[in-house]
Amino acid sequence: MELDEILDDMELKMMKTMEVVEHEFSAIRTGKASPALVDNIMVDYYGAQTRIKQLAGISTPEPRLLVIHPWDPAGADAIEKALLKSKLGITPIRDGRILRLPMPELSEERRKELDKVVKAMAEEGRIAIRNVRREANEHTKKVQKEGKITEDQMHNAEKKIQDKTNEYITVIDKLLVKKEKEIMEL
């Protein structure tokens, strides 16, 4: 594996890790309605596990209301069951074919719990990025031992690896601060 390939592969993995953290954050309820809250809930639709976003239109007509409009009227029952089984903790209100999810206010205690959850998610992301760094450093040392690059090139690569690690950890920290602010906002 060439040095450029190692660095490109490392950056790709770090980018994916950051995207995973960002996606996990979007699924955390902050008291505001967001389609991301229900996007990935799986529905048993005619025996097949299907995501809600593939079965219905999801909109937020008001800041504290999520409206799910199934494309197939028969899918409304399955979507309602999936929402009740989910970890959202919100009971959907059925209005004919349409399902409404009113977002209740978050209590101070619940906000603190969610804050701990997002901090744990951010830490998992940082750990994953550090693991990618370790892996890239190991590959770089291996390539240097094989004589494909000089020791100076290895040290330069290690510096680039550390710089990218710092960059992605900073991005995760910024995402965390933003999400914490959202959670603690009344």
Protein backbone atom coordinates (compact mmCIF):
# COMPACT_ATOMS: atom_id res chain seq x y z
CA MET A 1 0.00 0.00 0.00
CA GLU A 2 1.43 3.35 -1.03
CA LEU A 3 1.66 6.33 1.34
CA ASP A 4 -0.95 8.36 -0.57
CA GLU A 5 -3.35 5.41 -0.44
CA ILE A 6 -2.84 5.10 3.33
CA LEU A 7 -3.58 8.80 3.84
CA ASP A 8 -6.60 8.77 1.51
CA ASP A 9 -8.01 5.63 3.13
CA MET A 10 -7.49 7.14 6.59
CA GLU A 11 -9.26 10.38 5.66
CA LEU A 12 -12.17 8.47 4.11
CA LYS A 13 -12.61 6.40 7.28
CA MET A 14 -12.43 9.52 9.48
CA MET A 15 -14.98 11.28 7.29
CA LYS A 16 -17.35 8.30 7.56
CA THR A 17 -16.91 8.25 11.33
CA MET A 18 -17.79 11.93 11.53
CA GLU A 19 -20.87 11.36 9.35
CA VAL A 20 -22.00 8.50 11.61
CA VAL A 21 -21.69 10.73 14.69
CA GLU A 22 -23.59 13.50 12.90
CA HIS A 23 -26.35 11.05 11.92
CA GLU A 24 -26.59 9.66 15.46
CA PHE A 25 -26.90 13.20 16.81
CA SER A 26 -29.76 13.95 14.40
CA ALA A 27 -31.74 11.04 15.86
CA ILE A 28 -31.57 12.50 19.39
CA ARG A 29 -34.80 14.25 20.26
CA THR A 30 -34.36 17.85 21.34
CA GLY A 31 -38.00 18.84 21.78
CA LYS A 32 -38.12 20.07 18.18
CA ALA A 33 -39.72 17.98 15.47
CA SER A 34 -37.22 16.66 12.94
CA PRO A 35 -37.83 14.06 10.20
CA ALA A 36 -34.48 12.49 11.18
CA LEU A 37 -36.14 11.24 14.39
CA VAL A 38 -38.19 8.68 12.46
CA ASP A 39 -36.20 8.29 9.22
CA ASN A 40 -34.63 4.98 10.15
CA ILE A 41 -37.43 3.35 12.13
CA MET A 42 -38.08 -0.03 10.52
CA VAL A 43 -41.66 -1.02 9.65
CA ASP A 44 -42.88 -4.56 9.03
CA TYR A 45 -44.54 -3.83 5.70
CA TYR A 46 -46.05 -6.92 4.07
CA GLY A 47 -43.40 -9.11 5.70
CA ALA A 48 -40.44 -6.95 4.68
CA GLN A 49 -38.52 -4.63 7.02
CA THR A 50 -38.73 -1.19 5.40
CA ARG A 51 -37.71 2.28 6.61
CA ILE A 52 -40.53 4.74 7.33
CA LYS A 53 -39.01 7.27 4.93
CA GLN A 54 -39.54 4.76 2.10
CA LEU A 55 -43.22 4.31 2.98
CA ALA A 56 -44.36 7.82 3.78
CA GLY A 57 -43.81 11.52 3.42
CA ILE A 58 -42.51 13.09 6.64
CA SER A 59 -43.00 16.77 7.32
CA THR A 60 -42.83 19.28 10.16
CA PRO A 61 -45.66 21.80 9.71
CA GLU A 62 -45.00 23.18 13.21
CA PRO A 63 -41.84 23.21 15.36
CA ARG A 64 -43.29 20.61 17.77
CA LEU A 65 -45.25 18.44 15.33
CA LEU A 66 -44.15 15.71 12.98
CA VAL A 67 -46.66 14.57 10.34
CA ILE A 68 -46.30 11.20 8.63
CA HIS A 69 -48.38 10.74 5.49
CA PRO A 70 -48.20 7.10 4.27
CA TRP A 71 -48.31 6.71 0.50
CA ASP A 72 -50.22 3.43 0.86
CA PRO A 73 -53.29 3.74 3.14
CA ALA A 74 -52.77 0.13 4.26
CA GLY A 75 -49.28 1.05 5.51
CA ALA A 76 -50.60 3.44 8.17
CA ASP A 77 -51.32 0.58 10.62
CA ALA A 78 -47.85 -0.90 10.20
CA ILE A 79 -46.21 2.53 10.61
CA GLU A 80 -48.26 3.22 13.75
CA LYS A 81 -47.19 -0.13 15.27
CA ALA A 82 -43.54 0.56 14.44
CA LEU A 83 -43.73 4.01 16.05
CA LEU A 84 -45.27 2.54 19.21
CA LYS A 85 -42.50 -0.10 19.39
CA SER A 86 -39.73 2.44 18.78
CA LYS A 87 -37.66 4.08 21.52
CA LEU A 88 -39.10 7.51 20.70
CA GLY A 89 -41.51 7.40 23.61
CA ILE A 90 -44.16 9.32 21.65
CA THR A 91 -47.62 7.97 20.95
CA PRO A 92 -48.78 8.81 17.43
CA ILE A 93 -52.20 10.38 16.94
CA ARG A 94 -54.10 8.81 14.04
CA ASP A 95 -56.06 11.21 11.85
CA GLY A 96 -57.46 9.05 9.07
CA ARG A 97 -54.46 8.11 6.93
CA ILE A 98 -52.19 10.68 8.54
CA LEU A 99 -50.15 10.09 11.71
CA ARG A 100 -49.25 13.05 13.89
CA LEU A 101 -46.41 12.96 16.40
CA PRO A 102 -46.59 15.84 18.88
CA MET A 103 -43.22 16.54 20.49
CA PRO A 104 -43.61 17.06 24.23
CA GLU A 105 -41.43 19.50 26.20
CA LEU A 106 -38.28 17.92 27.61
CA SER A 107 -37.90 17.99 31.38
CA GLU A 108 -34.63 19.26 32.89
CA GLU A 109 -33.80 15.71 34.02
CA ARG A 110 -34.39 14.32 30.51
CA ARG A 111 -32.23 17.09 29.00
CA LYS A 112 -29.36 16.10 31.30
CA GLU A 113 -29.78 12.43 30.33
CA LEU A 114 -29.72 13.32 26.63
CA ASP A 115 -26.63 15.47 27.24
CA LYS A 116 -24.84 12.42 28.70
CA VAL A 117 -25.95 10.32 25.73
CA VAL A 118 -24.57 12.78 23.14
CA LYS A 119 -21.32 13.12 25.09
CA ALA A 120 -20.95 9.32 25.01
CA MET A 121 -21.68 9.28 21.25
CA ALA A 122 -19.06 11.99 20.68
CA GLU A 123 -16.50 10.05 22.73
CA GLU A 124 -17.19 6.90 20.70
CA GLY A 125 -16.57 8.97 17.55
CA ARG A 126 -13.28 10.32 18.94
CA ILE A 127 -12.18 6.79 19.86
CA ALA A 128 -13.03 5.55 16.37
CA ILE A 129 -10.99 8.38 14.83
CA ARG A 130 -8.04 7.59 17.09
CA ASN A 131 -8.28 3.93 16.06
CA VAL A 132 -8.12 4.99 12.41
CA ARG A 133 -5.04 7.11 13.28
CA ARG A 134 -3.37 4.14 14.99
CA GLU A 135 -4.12 1.92 11.99
CA ALA A 136 -2.71 4.50 9.55
CA ASN A 137 0.45 4.93 11.66
CA GLU A 138 0.95 1.14 11.72
CA HIS A 139 0.59 0.94 7.93
CA THR A 140 3.04 3.84 7.50
CA LYS A 141 5.63 2.15 9.74
CA LYS A 142 5.15 -1.12 7.87
CA VAL A 143 5.72 0.60 4.50
CA GLN A 144 8.85 2.30 5.91
CA LYS A 145 10.22 -1.02 7.23
CA GLU A 146 9.68 -2.53 3.77
CA GLY A 147 11.94 0.23 2.44
CA LYS A 148 9.30 1.82 0.21
CA ILE A 149 9.58 5.20 1.96
CA THR A 150 12.31 6.95 3.92
CA GLU A 151 12.20 7.66 7.64
CA ASP A 152 11.66 11.37 6.92
CA GLN A 153 8.68 10.55 4.71
CA MET A 154 7.32 8.36 7.52
CA HIS A 155 7.66 11.21 10.05
CA ASN A 156 5.99 13.65 7.64
CA ALA A 157 3.16 11.17 7.09
CA GLU A 158 2.74 10.70 10.85
CA LYS A 159 2.48 14.48 11.23
CA LYS A 160 -0.19 14.62 8.48
CA ILE A 161 -2.04 11.75 10.17
CA GLN A 162 -1.99 13.58 13.51
CA ASP A 163 -3.13 16.84 11.89
CA LYS A 164 -6.10 15.09 10.23
CA THR A 165 -6.93 13.36 13.53
CA ASN A 166 -6.97 16.70 15.33
CA GLU A 167 -9.09 18.23 12.55
CA TYR A 168 -11.79 15.53 12.73
CA ILE A 169 -11.84 15.44 16.52
CA THR A 170 -12.35 19.23 16.46
CA VAL A 171 -15.29 18.79 14.07
CA ILE A 172 -16.86 16.21 16.39
CA ASP A 173 -16.34 18.56 19.35
CA LYS A 174 -18.09 21.37 17.44
CA LEU A 175 -20.99 19.05 16.58
CA LEU A 176 -21.22 18.09 20.26
CA VAL A 177 -21.33 21.73 21.41
CA LYS A 178 -24.04 22.48 18.85
CA LYS A 179 -26.14 19.46 19.90
CA GLU A 180 -25.72 20.22 23.62
CA LYS A 181 -26.93 23.76 22.96
CA GLU A 182 -29.98 22.37 21.11
CA ILE A 183 -30.76 19.98 23.98
CA MET A 184 -30.44 22.57 26.72
CA GLU A 185 -32.43 25.20 24.80
CA LEU A 186 -35.93 25.71 26.21
